[in-house]
Amino acid sequence: MSCRIGILGAGGWGTALAVLLHGNGHQVALWEFRKDAAEKLRALRENVDFLPGVAVPPEIEIDYRIQNIVESAKLF
Protein backbone atom coordinates (compact mmCIF):
# COMPACT_ATOMS: atom_id res chain seq x y z
CA MET A 1 0.00 0.00 0.00
CA SER A 2 1.55 3.27 -1.14
CA CYS A 3 1.08 6.50 0.77
CA ARG A 4 2.03 10.14 0.15
CA ILE A 5 4.39 11.08 3.00
CA GLY A 6 5.85 14.48 3.86
CA ILE A 7 9.19 14.66 5.67
CA LEU A 8 9.67 17.93 7.54
CA GLY A 9 13.40 18.51 7.66
CA ALA A 10 16.07 17.62 5.11
CA GLY A 11 18.99 16.96 7.42
CA GLY A 12 20.71 13.60 7.49
CA TRP A 13 17.82 11.80 9.23
CA GLY A 14 15.13 13.38 7.07
CA THR A 15 16.97 12.63 3.86
CA ALA A 16 17.68 9.04 4.91
CA LEU A 17 14.04 8.53 5.88
CA ALA A 18 12.84 9.99 2.57
CA VAL A 19 15.11 7.65 0.59
CA LEU A 20 14.05 4.64 2.69
CA LEU A 21 10.33 5.37 2.36
CA HIS A 22 10.68 5.93 -1.38
CA GLY A 23 12.50 2.61 -1.66
CA ASN A 24 9.53 0.98 0.07
CA GLY A 25 7.19 2.27 -2.63
CA HIS A 26 5.85 5.48 -1.08
CA GLN A 27 5.52 8.90 -2.70
CA VAL A 28 7.72 11.23 -0.67
CA ALA A 29 8.01 15.00 -0.38
CA LEU A 30 10.97 16.45 1.55
CA TRP A 31 10.89 19.92 3.11
CA GLU A 32 14.07 21.98 3.47
CA PHE A 33 13.43 25.39 5.05
CA ARG A 34 16.34 27.16 3.34
CA LYS A 35 15.55 27.98 -0.28
CA ASP A 36 19.19 27.80 -1.42
CA ALA A 37 19.72 24.43 0.30
CA ALA A 38 16.50 23.03 -1.21
CA GLU A 39 17.59 24.13 -4.68
CA LYS A 40 21.06 22.63 -4.17
CA LEU A 41 19.57 19.33 -2.97
CA ARG A 42 17.13 19.28 -5.88
CA ALA A 43 19.93 20.01 -8.41
CA LEU A 44 22.53 17.58 -7.04
CA ARG A 45 20.09 14.87 -5.86
CA GLU A 46 22.49 14.30 -2.96
CA ASN A 47 22.59 15.86 0.50
CA VAL A 48 26.33 16.62 0.39
CA ASP A 49 26.25 18.46 3.73
CA PHE A 50 24.46 15.89 5.90
CA LEU A 51 24.35 12.58 4.01
CA PRO A 52 27.08 12.53 1.36
CA GLY A 53 27.21 9.59 -1.01
CA VAL A 54 23.50 8.75 -0.80
CA ALA A 55 21.55 9.45 -3.97
CA VAL A 56 18.15 11.13 -3.62
CA PRO A 57 15.87 9.63 -6.29
CA PRO A 58 14.36 12.10 -8.75
CA GLU A 59 10.85 11.02 -7.72
CA ILE A 60 11.33 12.55 -4.27
CA GLU A 61 9.88 16.06 -4.29
CA ILE A 62 12.06 18.69 -2.57
CA ASP A 63 10.62 22.08 -1.64
CA TYR A 64 11.34 24.97 0.72
CA ARG A 65 7.68 26.02 0.85
CA ILE A 66 6.18 24.02 3.69
CA GLN A 67 2.62 24.57 2.51
CA ASN A 68 3.37 22.58 -0.66
CA ILE A 69 4.53 19.63 1.43
CA VAL A 70 1.76 19.81 4.03
CA GLU A 71 -1.10 20.24 1.56
CA SER A 72 -0.16 17.23 -0.55
CA ALA A 73 0.89 14.69 2.12
CA LYS A 74 -1.28 12.20 3.99
CA LEU A 75 1.34 11.41 6.68
CA PHE A 76 4.20 13.36 8.27
PDB file of N, CA and C in Angstrom:
ATOM      1  N   MET A   1       0.844  -1.184   0.000  1.00  0.00           N
ATOM      2  CA  MET A   1       0.000   0.000   0.000  1.00  0.00           C
ATOM      3  C   MET A   1       0.885   1.242   0.000  1.00  0.00           C
ATOM      4  N   SER A   2       0.757   2.060  -1.013  1.00  0.00           N
ATOM      5  CA  SER A   2       1.549   3.273  -1.142  1.00  0.00           C
ATOM      6  C   SER A   2       0.836   4.448  -0.471  1.00  0.00           C
ATOM      7  N   CYS A   3       1.629   5.326   0.087  1.00  0.00           N
ATOM      8  CA  CYS A   3       1.078   6.495   0.772  1.00  0.00           C
ATOM      9  C   CYS A   3       1.915   7.719   0.398  1.00  0.00           C
ATOM     10  N   ARG A   4       1.305   8.889   0.397  1.00  0.00           N
ATOM     11  CA  ARG A   4       2.029  10.145   0.153  1.00  0.00           C
ATOM     12  C   ARG A   4       2.490  10.673   1.505  1.00  0.00           C
ATOM     13  N   ILE A   5       3.800  10.735   1.707  1.00  0.00           N
ATOM     14  CA  ILE A   5       4.388  11.081   2.996  1.00  0.00           C
ATOM     15  C   ILE A   5       5.226  12.345   2.867  1.00  0.00           C
ATOM     16  N   GLY A   6       5.048  13.277   3.798  1.00  0.00           N
ATOM     17  CA  GLY A   6       5.852  14.480   3.863  1.00  0.00           C
ATOM     18  C   GLY A   6       6.870  14.364   4.985  1.00  0.00           C
ATOM     19  N   ILE A   7       8.110  14.657   4.683  1.00  0.00           N
ATOM     20  CA  ILE A   7       9.189  14.657   5.670  1.00  0.00           C
ATOM     21  C   ILE A   7       9.544  16.113   5.936  1.00  0.00           C
ATOM     22  N   LEU A   8       9.381  16.537   7.176  1.00  0.00           N
ATOM     23  CA  LEU A   8       9.673  17.925   7.543  1.00  0.00           C
ATOM     24  C   LEU A   8      11.077  18.008   8.122  1.00  0.00           C
ATOM     25  N   GLY A   9      12.006  18.379   7.269  1.00  0.00           N
ATOM     26  CA  GLY A   9      13.402  18.508   7.662  1.00  0.00           C
ATOM     27  C   GLY A   9      14.280  17.662   6.762  1.00  0.00           C
ATOM     28  N   ALA A  10      15.227  18.308   6.082  1.00  0.00           N
ATOM     29  CA  ALA A  10      16.068  17.621   5.107  1.00  0.00           C
ATOM     30  C   ALA A  10      17.504  17.486   5.590  1.00  0.00           C
ATOM     31  N   GLY A  11      17.663  17.271   6.897  1.00  0.00           N
ATOM     32  CA  GLY A  11      18.992  16.962   7.419  1.00  0.00           C
ATOM     33  C   GLY A  11      19.336  15.523   7.072  1.00  0.00           C
ATOM     34  N   GLY A  12      20.302  14.972   7.753  1.00  0.00           N
ATOM     35  CA  GLY A  12      20.705  13.599   7.490  1.00  0.00           C
ATOM     36  C   GLY A  12      19.586  12.601   7.742  1.00  0.00           C
ATOM     37  N   TRP A  13      18.906  12.723   8.889  1.00  0.00           N
ATOM     38  CA  TRP A  13      17.823  11.801   9.227  1.00  0.00           C
ATOM     39  C   TRP A  13      16.657  11.936   8.259  1.00  0.00           C
ATOM     40  N   GLY A  14      16.253  13.165   7.967  1.00  0.00           N
ATOM     41  CA  GLY A  14      15.127  13.385   7.071  1.00  0.00           C
ATOM     42  C   GLY A  14      15.394  12.864   5.675  1.00  0.00           C
ATOM     43  N   THR A  15      16.595  13.109   5.181  1.00  0.00           N
ATOM     44  CA  THR A  15      16.965  12.631   3.858  1.00  0.00           C
ATOM     45  C   THR A  15      17.010  11.109   3.825  1.00  0.00           C
ATOM     46  N   ALA A  16      17.614  10.501   4.845  1.00  0.00           N
ATOM     47  CA  ALA A  16      17.681   9.035   4.912  1.00  0.00           C
ATOM     48  C   ALA A  16      16.280   8.433   4.971  1.00  0.00           C
ATOM     49  N   LEU A  17      15.412   9.017   5.769  1.00  0.00           N
ATOM     50  CA  LEU A  17      14.041   8.528   5.878  1.00  0.00           C
ATOM     51  C   LEU A  17      13.301   8.656   4.552  1.00  0.00           C
ATOM     52  N   ALA A  18      13.483   9.782   3.871  1.00  0.00           N
ATOM     53  CA  ALA A  18      12.839   9.990   2.571  1.00  0.00           C
ATOM     54  C   ALA A  18      13.279   8.929   1.567  1.00  0.00           C
ATOM     55  N   VAL A  19      14.578   8.648   1.516  1.00  0.00           N
ATOM     56  CA  VAL A  19      15.105   7.651   0.587  1.00  0.00           C
ATOM     57  C   VAL A  19      14.578   6.262   0.949  1.00  0.00           C
ATOM     58  N   LEU A  20      14.550   5.936   2.230  1.00  0.00           N
ATOM     59  CA  LEU A  20      14.051   4.641   2.687  1.00  0.00           C
ATOM     60  C   LEU A  20      12.570   4.453   2.344  1.00  0.00           C
ATOM     61  N   LEU A  21      11.763   5.460   2.655  1.00  0.00           N
ATOM     62  CA  LEU A  21      10.327   5.369   2.363  1.00  0.00           C
ATOM     63  C   LEU A  21      10.062   5.267   0.860  1.00  0.00           C
ATOM     64  N   HIS A  22      10.805   6.024   0.079  1.00  0.00           N
ATOM     65  CA  HIS A  22      10.675   5.933  -1.384  1.00  0.00           C
ATOM     66  C   HIS A  22      11.033   4.524  -1.847  1.00  0.00           C
ATOM     67  N   GLY A  23      12.095   3.968  -1.301  1.00  0.00           N
ATOM     68  CA  GLY A  23      12.504   2.614  -1.657  1.00  0.00           C
ATOM     69  C   GLY A  23      11.467   1.560  -1.299  1.00  0.00           C
ATOM     70  N   ASN A  24      10.613   1.878  -0.336  1.00  0.00           N
ATOM     71  CA  ASN A  24       9.527   0.979   0.067  1.00  0.00           C
ATOM     72  C   ASN A  24       8.235   1.255  -0.692  1.00  0.00           C
ATOM     73  N   GLY A  25       8.321   2.074  -1.744  1.00  0.00           N
ATOM     74  CA  GLY A  25       7.186   2.273  -2.627  1.00  0.00           C
ATOM     75  C   GLY A  25       6.271   3.446  -2.322  1.00  0.00           C
ATOM     76  N   HIS A  26       6.684   4.329  -1.430  1.00  0.00           N
ATOM     77  CA  HIS A  26       5.846   5.479  -1.083  1.00  0.00           C
ATOM     78  C   HIS A  26       6.222   6.698  -1.923  1.00  0.00           C
ATOM     79  N   GLN A  27       5.258   7.590  -2.091  1.00  0.00           N
ATOM     80  CA  GLN A  27       5.515   8.896  -2.697  1.00  0.00           C
ATOM     81  C   GLN A  27       5.993   9.797  -1.559  1.00  0.00           C
ATOM     82  N   VAL A  28       7.108  10.461  -1.756  1.00  0.00           N
ATOM     83  CA  VAL A  28       7.722  11.226  -0.675  1.00  0.00           C
ATOM     84  C   VAL A  28       7.985  12.659  -1.114  1.00  0.00           C
ATOM     85  N   ALA A  29       7.686  13.588  -0.199  1.00  0.00           N
ATOM     86  CA  ALA A  29       8.010  14.998  -0.382  1.00  0.00           C
ATOM     87  C   ALA A  29       8.876  15.417   0.803  1.00  0.00           C
ATOM     88  N   LEU A  30       9.986  16.075   0.533  1.00  0.00           N
ATOM     89  CA  LEU A  30      10.972  16.449   1.549  1.00  0.00           C
ATOM     90  C   LEU A  30      11.034  17.967   1.657  1.00  0.00           C
ATOM     91  N   TRP A  31      10.866  18.475   2.879  1.00  0.00           N
ATOM     92  CA  TRP A  31      10.894  19.919   3.106  1.00  0.00           C
ATOM     93  C   TRP A  31      12.243  20.351   3.667  1.00  0.00           C
ATOM     94  N   GLU A  32      12.848  21.316   3.008  1.00  0.00           N
ATOM     95  CA  GLU A  32      14.075  21.984   3.469  1.00  0.00           C
ATOM     96  C   GLU A  32      13.739  23.462   3.608  1.00  0.00           C
ATOM     97  N   PHE A  33      13.898  24.019   4.800  1.00  0.00           N
ATOM     98  CA  PHE A  33      13.433  25.387   5.049  1.00  0.00           C
ATOM     99  C   PHE A  33      14.263  26.466   4.373  1.00  0.00           C
ATOM    100  N   ARG A  34      15.501  26.159   4.018  1.00  0.00           N
ATOM    101  CA  ARG A  34      16.336  27.163   3.344  1.00  0.00           C
ATOM    102  C   ARG A  34      16.215  26.986   1.832  1.00  0.00           C
ATOM    103  N   LYS A  35      15.785  28.045   1.172  1.00  0.00           N
ATOM    104  CA  LYS A  35      15.552  27.977  -0.279  1.00  0.00           C
ATOM    105  C   LYS A  35      16.809  27.541  -1.027  1.00  0.00           C
ATOM    106  N   ASP A  36      17.954  28.133  -0.712  1.00  0.00           N
ATOM    107  CA  ASP A  36      19.189  27.799  -1.420  1.00  0.00           C
ATOM    108  C   ASP A  36      19.589  26.341  -1.188  1.00  0.00           C
ATOM    109  N   ALA A  37      19.396  25.829   0.010  1.00  0.00           N
ATOM    110  CA  ALA A  37      19.723  24.430   0.302  1.00  0.00           C
ATOM    111  C   ALA A  37      18.763  23.485  -0.419  1.00  0.00           C
ATOM    112  N   ALA A  38      17.482  23.851  -0.493  1.00  0.00           N
ATOM    113  CA  ALA A  38      16.500  23.034  -1.214  1.00  0.00           C
ATOM    114  C   ALA A  38      16.856  22.972  -2.696  1.00  0.00           C
ATOM    115  N   GLU A  39      17.229  24.091  -3.260  1.00  0.00           N
ATOM    116  CA  GLU A  39      17.593  24.134  -4.680  1.00  0.00           C
ATOM    117  C   GLU A  39      18.866  23.327  -4.949  1.00  0.00           C
ATOM    118  N   LYS A  40      19.826  23.401  -4.035  1.00  0.00           N
ATOM    119  CA  LYS A  40      21.063  22.629  -4.166  1.00  0.00           C
ATOM    120  C   LYS A  40      20.769  21.126  -4.095  1.00  0.00           C
ATOM    121  N   LEU A  41      19.945  20.727  -3.132  1.00  0.00           N
ATOM    122  CA  LEU A  41      19.570  19.332  -2.974  1.00  0.00           C
ATOM    123  C   LEU A  41      18.806  18.821  -4.194  1.00  0.00           C
ATOM    124  N   ARG A  42      17.918  19.649  -4.699  1.00  0.00           N
ATOM    125  CA  ARG A  42      17.135  19.279  -5.881  1.00  0.00           C
ATOM    126  C   ARG A  42      18.047  19.153  -7.116  1.00  0.00           C
ATOM    127  N   ALA A  43      19.034  20.032  -7.248  1.00  0.00           N
ATOM    128  CA  ALA A  43      19.929  20.008  -8.409  1.00  0.00           C
ATOM    129  C   ALA A  43      20.921  18.844  -8.350  1.00  0.00           C
ATOM    130  N   LEU A  44      21.508  18.610  -7.177  1.00  0.00           N
ATOM    131  CA  LEU A  44      22.533  17.576  -7.042  1.00  0.00           C
ATOM    132  C   LEU A  44      21.970  16.181  -6.797  1.00  0.00           C
ATOM    133  N   ARG A  45      20.724  16.130  -6.252  1.00  0.00           N
ATOM    134  CA  ARG A  45      20.093  14.869  -5.861  1.00  0.00           C
ATOM    135  C   ARG A  45      20.968  14.096  -4.883  1.00  0.00           C
ATOM    136  N   GLU A  46      21.655  14.853  -4.021  1.00  0.00           N
ATOM    137  CA  GLU A  46      22.493  14.304  -2.959  1.00  0.00           C
ATOM    138  C   GLU A  46      22.605  15.358  -1.872  1.00  0.00           C
ATOM    139  N   ASN A  47      22.455  14.947  -0.622  1.00  0.00           N
ATOM    140  CA  ASN A  47      22.592  15.864   0.502  1.00  0.00           C
ATOM    141  C   ASN A  47      24.062  15.865   0.920  1.00  0.00           C
ATOM    142  N   VAL A  48      24.879  16.636   0.198  1.00  0.00           N
ATOM    143  CA  VAL A  48      26.326  16.618   0.391  1.00  0.00           C
ATOM    144  C   VAL A  48      26.748  17.132   1.763  1.00  0.00           C
ATOM    145  N   ASP A  49      25.911  17.916   2.423  1.00  0.00           N
ATOM    146  CA  ASP A  49      26.251  18.462   3.731  1.00  0.00           C
ATOM    147  C   ASP A  49      25.966  17.490   4.873  1.00  0.00           C
ATOM    148  N   PHE A  50      24.892  16.722   4.789  1.00  0.00           N
ATOM    149  CA  PHE A  50      24.457  15.893   5.902  1.00  0.00           C
ATOM    150  C   PHE A  50      24.412  14.394   5.621  1.00  0.00           C
ATOM    151  N   LEU A  51      24.399  13.997   4.353  1.00  0.00           N
ATOM    152  CA  LEU A  51      24.346  12.577   4.012  1.00  0.00           C
ATOM    153  C   LEU A  51      25.057  12.344   2.672  1.00  0.00           C
ATOM    154  N   PRO A  52      26.353  12.657   2.621  1.00  0.00           N
ATOM    155  CA  PRO A  52      27.082  12.528   1.359  1.00  0.00           C
ATOM    156  C   PRO A  52      27.152  11.078   0.895  1.00  0.00           C
ATOM    157  N   GLY A  53      27.082  10.914  -0.421  1.00  0.00           N
ATOM    158  CA  GLY A  53      27.206   9.594  -1.006  1.00  0.00           C
ATOM    159  C   GLY A  53      25.901   8.842  -1.181  1.00  0.00           C
ATOM    160  N   VAL A  54      24.803   9.401  -0.671  1.00  0.00           N
ATOM    161  CA  VAL A  54      23.498   8.754  -0.795  1.00  0.00           C
ATOM    162  C   VAL A  54      22.682   9.518  -1.832  1.00  0.00           C
ATOM    163  N   ALA A  55      22.319   8.831  -2.893  1.00  0.00           N
ATOM    164  CA  ALA A  55      21.551   9.454  -3.971  1.00  0.00           C
ATOM    165  C   ALA A  55      20.095   9.651  -3.548  1.00  0.00           C
ATOM    166  N   VAL A  56      19.566  10.831  -3.865  1.00  0.00           N
ATOM    167  CA  VAL A  56      18.153  11.131  -3.623  1.00  0.00           C
ATOM    168  C   VAL A  56      17.428  10.933  -4.952  1.00  0.00           C
ATOM    169  N   PRO A  57      16.555   9.929  -5.025  1.00  0.00           N
ATOM    170  CA  PRO A  57      15.872   9.634  -6.291  1.00  0.00           C
ATOM    171  C   PRO A  57      15.105  10.836  -6.832  1.00  0.00           C
ATOM    172  N   PRO A  58      15.038  10.954  -8.147  1.00  0.00           N
ATOM    173  CA  PRO A  58      14.358  12.100  -8.754  1.00  0.00           C
ATOM    174  C   PRO A  58      12.861  12.150  -8.448  1.00  0.00           C
ATOM    175  N   GLU A  59      12.270  11.033  -8.055  1.00  0.00           N
ATOM    176  CA  GLU A  59      10.847  11.018  -7.723  1.00  0.00           C
ATOM    177  C   GLU A  59      10.535  11.678  -6.390  1.00  0.00           C
ATOM    178  N   ILE A  60      11.539  11.879  -5.554  1.00  0.00           N
ATOM    179  CA  ILE A  60      11.331  12.549  -4.270  1.00  0.00           C
ATOM    180  C   ILE A  60      11.236  14.048  -4.520  1.00  0.00           C
ATOM    181  N   GLU A  61      10.098  14.618  -4.144  1.00  0.00           N
ATOM    182  CA  GLU A  61       9.883  16.059  -4.291  1.00  0.00           C
ATOM    183  C   GLU A  61      10.653  16.777  -3.189  1.00  0.00           C
ATOM    184  N   ILE A  62      11.314  17.882  -3.540  1.00  0.00           N
ATOM    185  CA  ILE A  62      12.056  18.688  -2.568  1.00  0.00           C
ATOM    186  C   ILE A  62      11.577  20.124  -2.705  1.00  0.00           C
ATOM    187  N   ASP A  63      11.180  20.718  -1.579  1.00  0.00           N
ATOM    188  CA  ASP A  63      10.624  22.077  -1.637  1.00  0.00           C
ATOM    189  C   ASP A  63      10.953  22.822  -0.347  1.00  0.00           C
ATOM    190  N   TYR A  64      11.111  24.127  -0.442  1.00  0.00           N
ATOM    191  CA  TYR A  64      11.338  24.974   0.724  1.00  0.00           C
ATOM    192  C   TYR A  64      10.040  25.617   1.218  1.00  0.00           C
ATOM    193  N   ARG A  65       8.976  25.453   0.460  1.00  0.00           N
ATOM    194  CA  ARG A  65       7.680  26.024   0.850  1.00  0.00           C
ATOM    195  C   ARG A  65       6.879  24.941   1.560  1.00  0.00           C
ATOM    196  N   ILE A  66       6.796  25.071   2.870  1.00  0.00           N
ATOM    197  CA  ILE A  66       6.182  24.023   3.693  1.00  0.00           C
ATOM    198  C   ILE A  66       4.731  23.754   3.308  1.00  0.00           C
ATOM    199  N   GLN A  67       4.030  24.773   2.862  1.00  0.00           N
ATOM    200  CA  GLN A  67       2.619  24.568   2.508  1.00  0.00           C
ATOM    201  C   GLN A  67       2.470  23.575   1.365  1.00  0.00           C
ATOM    202  N   ASN A  68       3.422  23.547   0.449  1.00  0.00           N
ATOM    203  CA  ASN A  68       3.367  22.583  -0.662  1.00  0.00           C
ATOM    204  C   ASN A  68       3.506  21.150  -0.157  1.00  0.00           C
ATOM    205  N   ILE A  69       4.319  20.960   0.861  1.00  0.00           N
ATOM    206  CA  ILE A  69       4.525  19.629   1.426  1.00  0.00           C
ATOM    207  C   ILE A  69       3.312  19.221   2.239  1.00  0.00           C
ATOM    208  N   VAL A  70       2.853  20.106   3.105  1.00  0.00           N
ATOM    209  CA  VAL A  70       1.757  19.810   4.026  1.00  0.00           C
ATOM    210  C   VAL A  70       0.449  19.568   3.287  1.00  0.00           C
ATOM    211  N   GLU A  71       0.171  20.354   2.281  1.00  0.00           N
ATOM    212  CA  GLU A  71      -1.096  20.240   1.563  1.00  0.00           C
ATOM    213  C   GLU A  71      -1.201  18.946   0.756  1.00  0.00           C
ATOM    214  N   SER A  72      -0.102  18.395   0.327  1.00  0.00           N
ATOM    215  CA  SER A  72      -0.165  17.231  -0.547  1.00  0.00           C
ATOM    216  C   SER A  72       0.075  15.903   0.169  1.00  0.00           C
ATOM    217  N   ALA A  73       0.541  15.925   1.415  1.00  0.00           N
ATOM    218  CA  ALA A  73       0.889  14.692   2.117  1.00  0.00           C
ATOM    219  C   ALA A  73      -0.271  14.168   2.966  1.00  0.00           C
ATOM    220  N   LYS A  74      -0.304  12.849   3.126  1.00  0.00           N
ATOM    221  CA  LYS A  74      -1.279  12.199   3.991  1.00  0.00           C
ATOM    222  C   LYS A  74      -0.691  11.919   5.372  1.00  0.00           C
ATOM    223  N   LEU A  75       0.621  11.694   5.424  1.00  0.00           N
ATOM    224  CA  LEU A  75       1.336  11.414   6.676  1.00  0.00           C
ATOM    225  C   LEU A  75       2.564  12.309   6.776  1.00  0.00           C
ATOM    226  N   PHE A  76       2.984  12.569   8.018  1.00  0.00           N
ATOM    227  CA  PHE A  76       4.203  13.363   8.265  1.00  0.00           C
ATOM    228  C   PHE A  76       5.092  12.610   9.219  1.00  0.00           C
TER     229      PHE A  76
END
